[in-house]
Amino acid sequence: MEPATVVMISITAVVIALTGYSIYIAFGPPSVELDDPFDDHED
Protein backbone atom coordinates (compact mmCIF):
# COMPACT_ATOMS: atom_id res chain seq x y z
CA MET A 1 0.00 0.00 0.00
CA GLU A 2 1.24 3.50 -0.76
CA PRO A 3 2.26 5.72 2.15
CA ALA A 4 -0.26 8.40 1.15
CA THR A 5 -3.10 5.87 1.38
CA VAL A 6 -2.00 4.73 4.83
CA VAL A 7 -1.81 8.34 6.05
CA MET A 8 -5.25 9.15 4.65
CA ILE A 9 -6.82 6.06 6.24
CA SER A 10 -5.16 6.92 9.57
CA ILE A 11 -6.40 10.51 9.52
CA THR A 12 -9.90 9.37 8.57
CA ALA A 13 -9.95 6.83 11.41
CA VAL A 14 -8.86 9.46 13.94
CA VAL A 15 -11.52 11.94 12.76
CA ILE A 16 -14.26 9.30 12.91
CA ALA A 17 -13.11 8.19 16.39
CA LEU A 18 -13.09 11.75 17.73
CA THR A 19 -16.52 12.44 16.22
CA GLY A 20 -17.95 9.29 17.80
CA TYR A 21 -16.41 10.14 21.17
CA SER A 22 -17.78 13.69 21.10
CA ILE A 23 -21.27 12.42 20.25
CA TYR A 24 -21.03 9.93 23.13
CA ILE A 25 -19.99 12.70 25.54
CA ALA A 26 -22.73 15.06 24.30
CA PHE A 27 -25.66 12.65 24.24
CA GLY A 28 -24.60 9.55 26.20
CA PRO A 29 -24.58 8.85 29.95
CA PRO A 30 -21.81 11.42 30.71
CA SER A 31 -24.09 14.21 29.43
CA VAL A 32 -25.97 14.16 32.76
CA GLU A 33 -23.09 16.11 34.32
CA LEU A 34 -23.15 18.86 31.66
CA ASP A 35 -24.80 22.19 32.50
CA ASP A 36 -26.54 24.57 30.12
CA PRO A 37 -25.16 28.06 30.85
CA PHE A 38 -28.14 29.74 29.19
CA ASP A 39 -30.56 28.03 31.59
CA ASP A 40 -28.51 29.24 34.56
CA HIS A 41 -28.87 32.93 33.64
CA GLU A 42 -32.47 33.28 32.47
CA ASP A 43 -34.40 36.29 33.69
PDB file of N, CA and C in Angstrom:
ATOM      1  N   MET A   1       0.840  -1.176   0.000  1.00  0.00           N
ATOM      2  CA  MET A   1       0.000   0.000   0.000  1.00  0.00           C
ATOM      3  C   MET A   1       0.890   1.246   0.000  1.00  0.00           C
ATOM      4  N   GLU A   2       0.458   2.265  -0.684  1.00  0.00           N
ATOM      5  CA  GLU A   2       1.237   3.500  -0.763  1.00  0.00           C
ATOM      6  C   GLU A   2       1.183   4.254   0.569  1.00  0.00           C
ATOM      7  N   PRO A   3       2.234   4.966   0.894  1.00  0.00           N
ATOM      8  CA  PRO A   3       2.257   5.718   2.153  1.00  0.00           C
ATOM      9  C   PRO A   3       1.143   6.764   2.247  1.00  0.00           C
ATOM     10  N   ALA A   4       0.793   7.383   1.131  1.00  0.00           N
ATOM     11  CA  ALA A   4      -0.264   8.395   1.152  1.00  0.00           C
ATOM     12  C   ALA A   4      -1.610   7.772   1.523  1.00  0.00           C
ATOM     13  N   THR A   5      -1.858   6.560   1.057  1.00  0.00           N
ATOM     14  CA  THR A   5      -3.100   5.868   1.382  1.00  0.00           C
ATOM     15  C   THR A   5      -3.155   5.518   2.866  1.00  0.00           C
ATOM     16  N   VAL A   6      -2.048   5.076   3.410  1.00  0.00           N
ATOM     17  CA  VAL A   6      -1.997   4.733   4.835  1.00  0.00           C
ATOM     18  C   VAL A   6      -2.229   5.971   5.691  1.00  0.00           C
ATOM     19  N   VAL A   7      -1.626   7.090   5.308  1.00  0.00           N
ATOM     20  CA  VAL A   7      -1.810   8.337   6.055  1.00  0.00           C
ATOM     21  C   VAL A   7      -3.257   8.790   5.981  1.00  0.00           C
ATOM     22  N   MET A   8      -3.865   8.709   4.809  1.00  0.00           N
ATOM     23  CA  MET A   8      -5.254   9.145   4.647  1.00  0.00           C
ATOM     24  C   MET A   8      -6.200   8.263   5.448  1.00  0.00           C
ATOM     25  N   ILE A   9      -5.984   6.967   5.449  1.00  0.00           N
ATOM     26  CA  ILE A   9      -6.821   6.057   6.241  1.00  0.00           C
ATOM     27  C   ILE A   9      -6.648   6.338   7.732  1.00  0.00           C
ATOM     28  N   SER A  10      -5.430   6.623   8.159  1.00  0.00           N
ATOM     29  CA  SER A  10      -5.165   6.925   9.566  1.00  0.00           C
ATOM     30  C   SER A  10      -5.863   8.206  10.002  1.00  0.00           C
ATOM     31  N   ILE A  11      -5.749   9.239   9.192  1.00  0.00           N
ATOM     32  CA  ILE A  11      -6.401  10.513   9.521  1.00  0.00           C
ATOM     33  C   ILE A  11      -7.908  10.350   9.558  1.00  0.00           C
ATOM     34  N   THR A  12      -8.462   9.614   8.600  1.00  0.00           N
ATOM     35  CA  THR A  12      -9.899   9.373   8.566  1.00  0.00           C
ATOM     36  C   THR A  12     -10.356   8.607   9.804  1.00  0.00           C
ATOM     37  N   ALA A  13      -9.595   7.611  10.220  1.00  0.00           N
ATOM     38  CA  ALA A  13      -9.952   6.833  11.407  1.00  0.00           C
ATOM     39  C   ALA A  13      -9.931   7.694  12.665  1.00  0.00           C
ATOM     40  N   VAL A  14      -8.945   8.576  12.766  1.00  0.00           N
ATOM     41  CA  VAL A  14      -8.863   9.461  13.938  1.00  0.00           C
ATOM     42  C   VAL A  14     -10.034  10.426  13.966  1.00  0.00           C
ATOM     43  N   VAL A  15     -10.391  10.995  12.822  1.00  0.00           N
ATOM     44  CA  VAL A  15     -11.518  11.936  12.762  1.00  0.00           C
ATOM     45  C   VAL A  15     -12.823  11.234  13.119  1.00  0.00           C
ATOM     46  N   ILE A  16     -13.038  10.037  12.607  1.00  0.00           N
ATOM     47  CA  ILE A  16     -14.264   9.297  12.914  1.00  0.00           C
ATOM     48  C   ILE A  16     -14.306   8.930  14.401  1.00  0.00           C
ATOM     49  N   ALA A  17     -13.159   8.535  14.970  1.00  0.00           N
ATOM     50  CA  ALA A  17     -13.112   8.190  16.385  1.00  0.00           C
ATOM     51  C   ALA A  17     -13.411   9.403  17.264  1.00  0.00           C
ATOM     52  N   LEU A  18     -12.831  10.547  16.939  1.00  0.00           N
ATOM     53  CA  LEU A  18     -13.094  11.754  17.725  1.00  0.00           C
ATOM     54  C   LEU A  18     -14.550  12.210  17.600  1.00  0.00           C
ATOM     55  N   THR A  19     -15.121  12.076  16.415  1.00  0.00           N
ATOM     56  CA  THR A  19     -16.522  12.437  16.224  1.00  0.00           C
ATOM     57  C   THR A  19     -17.432  11.524  17.040  1.00  0.00           C
ATOM     58  N   GLY A  20     -17.157  10.225  17.009  1.00  0.00           N
ATOM     59  CA  GLY A  20     -17.951   9.290  17.804  1.00  0.00           C
ATOM     60  C   GLY A  20     -17.832   9.549  19.287  1.00  0.00           C
ATOM     61  N   TYR A  21     -16.620   9.855  19.759  1.00  0.00           N
ATOM     62  CA  TYR A  21     -16.414  10.142  21.173  1.00  0.00           C
ATOM     63  C   TYR A  21     -17.142  11.418  21.592  1.00  0.00           C
ATOM     64  N   SER A  22     -17.106  12.438  20.755  1.00  0.00           N
ATOM     65  CA  SER A  22     -17.779  13.688  21.103  1.00  0.00           C
ATOM     66  C   SER A  22     -19.296  13.517  21.122  1.00  0.00           C
ATOM     67  N   ILE A  23     -19.835  12.702  20.229  1.00  0.00           N
ATOM     68  CA  ILE A  23     -21.273  12.424  20.250  1.00  0.00           C
ATOM     69  C   ILE A  23     -21.639  11.643  21.505  1.00  0.00           C
ATOM     70  N   TYR A  24     -20.788  10.698  21.903  1.00  0.00           N
ATOM     71  CA  TYR A  24     -21.030   9.934  23.133  1.00  0.00           C
ATOM     72  C   TYR A  24     -21.017  10.858  24.351  1.00  0.00           C
ATOM     73  N   ILE A  25     -20.064  11.778  24.408  1.00  0.00           N
ATOM     74  CA  ILE A  25     -19.989  12.705  25.540  1.00  0.00           C
ATOM     75  C   ILE A  25     -21.195  13.642  25.547  1.00  0.00           C
ATOM     76  N   ALA A  26     -21.635  14.092  24.371  1.00  0.00           N
ATOM     77  CA  ALA A  26     -22.727  15.064  24.296  1.00  0.00           C
ATOM     78  C   ALA A  26     -24.082  14.449  24.582  1.00  0.00           C
ATOM     79  N   PHE A  27     -24.323  13.209  24.142  1.00  0.00           N
ATOM     80  CA  PHE A  27     -25.663  12.645  24.239  1.00  0.00           C
ATOM     81  C   PHE A  27     -25.744  11.371  25.063  1.00  0.00           C
ATOM     82  N   GLY A  28     -24.612  10.798  25.453  1.00  0.00           N
ATOM     83  CA  GLY A  28     -24.603   9.552  26.204  1.00  0.00           C
ATOM     84  C   GLY A  28     -24.741   9.781  27.695  1.00  0.00           C
ATOM     85  N   PRO A  29     -24.462   8.752  28.493  1.00  0.00           N
ATOM     86  CA  PRO A  29     -24.579   8.855  29.950  1.00  0.00           C
ATOM     87  C   PRO A  29     -23.748   9.981  30.577  1.00  0.00           C
ATOM     88  N   PRO A  30     -22.551  10.312  30.078  1.00  0.00           N
ATOM     89  CA  PRO A  30     -21.806  11.416  30.705  1.00  0.00           C
ATOM     90  C   PRO A  30     -22.474  12.783  30.546  1.00  0.00           C
ATOM     91  N   SER A  31     -23.463  12.911  29.662  1.00  0.00           N
ATOM     92  CA  SER A  31     -24.092  14.211  29.434  1.00  0.00           C
ATOM     93  C   SER A  31     -24.937  14.664  30.621  1.00  0.00           C
ATOM     94  N   VAL A  32     -25.195  13.783  31.579  1.00  0.00           N
ATOM     95  CA  VAL A  32     -25.971  14.159  32.763  1.00  0.00           C
ATOM     96  C   VAL A  32     -25.217  15.213  33.568  1.00  0.00           C
ATOM     97  N   GLU A  33     -23.900  15.175  33.541  1.00  0.00           N
ATOM     98  CA  GLU A  33     -23.085  16.109  34.317  1.00  0.00           C
ATOM     99  C   GLU A  33     -22.923  17.465  33.632  1.00  0.00           C
ATOM    100  N   LEU A  34     -23.325  17.598  32.377  1.00  0.00           N
ATOM    101  CA  LEU A  34     -23.155  18.858  31.657  1.00  0.00           C
ATOM    102  C   LEU A  34     -24.231  19.857  32.065  1.00  0.00           C
ATOM    103  N   ASP A  35     -23.865  21.126  32.168  1.00  0.00           N
ATOM    104  CA  ASP A  35     -24.804  22.192  32.497  1.00  0.00           C
ATOM    105  C   ASP A  35     -25.031  23.063  31.277  1.00  0.00           C
ATOM    106  N   ASP A  36     -26.235  23.632  31.184  1.00  0.00           N
ATOM    107  CA  ASP A  36     -26.543  24.571  30.122  1.00  0.00           C
ATOM    108  C   ASP A  36     -26.388  25.988  30.689  1.00  0.00           C
ATOM    109  N   PRO A  37     -25.375  26.732  30.263  1.00  0.00           N
ATOM    110  CA  PRO A  37     -25.157  28.058  30.848  1.00  0.00           C
ATOM    111  C   PRO A  37     -26.291  29.030  30.560  1.00  0.00           C
ATOM    112  N   PHE A  38     -27.045  28.833  29.499  1.00  0.00           N
ATOM    113  CA  PHE A  38     -28.139  29.735  29.188  1.00  0.00           C
ATOM    114  C   PHE A  38     -29.314  29.522  30.148  1.00  0.00           C
ATOM    115  N   ASP A  39     -29.512  28.292  30.615  1.00  0.00           N
ATOM    116  CA  ASP A  39     -30.563  28.033  31.594  1.00  0.00           C
ATOM    117  C   ASP A  39     -30.209  28.614  32.962  1.00  0.00           C
ATOM    118  N   ASP A  40     -28.942  28.729  33.256  1.00  0.00           N
ATOM    119  CA  ASP A  40     -28.512  29.242  34.555  1.00  0.00           C
ATOM    120  C   ASP A  40     -28.752  30.736  34.692  1.00  0.00           C
ATOM    121  N   HIS A  41     -28.805  31.469  33.570  1.00  0.00           N
ATOM    122  CA  HIS A  41     -28.870  32.934  33.641  1.00  0.00           C
ATOM    123  C   HIS A  41     -30.135  33.491  33.001  1.00  0.00           C
ATOM    124  N   GLU A  42     -31.228  32.747  33.023  1.00  0.00           N
ATOM    125  CA  GLU A  42     -32.472  33.278  32.468  1.00  0.00           C
ATOM    126  C   GLU A  42     -33.079  34.283  33.435  1.00  0.00           C
ATOM    127  N   ASP A  43     -33.749  35.269  32.864  1.00  0.00           N
ATOM    128  CA  ASP A  43     -34.400  36.290  33.694  1.00  0.00           C
ATOM    129  C   ASP A  43     -35.786  35.892  34.079  1.00  0.00           C
TER     130      ASP A  43
END
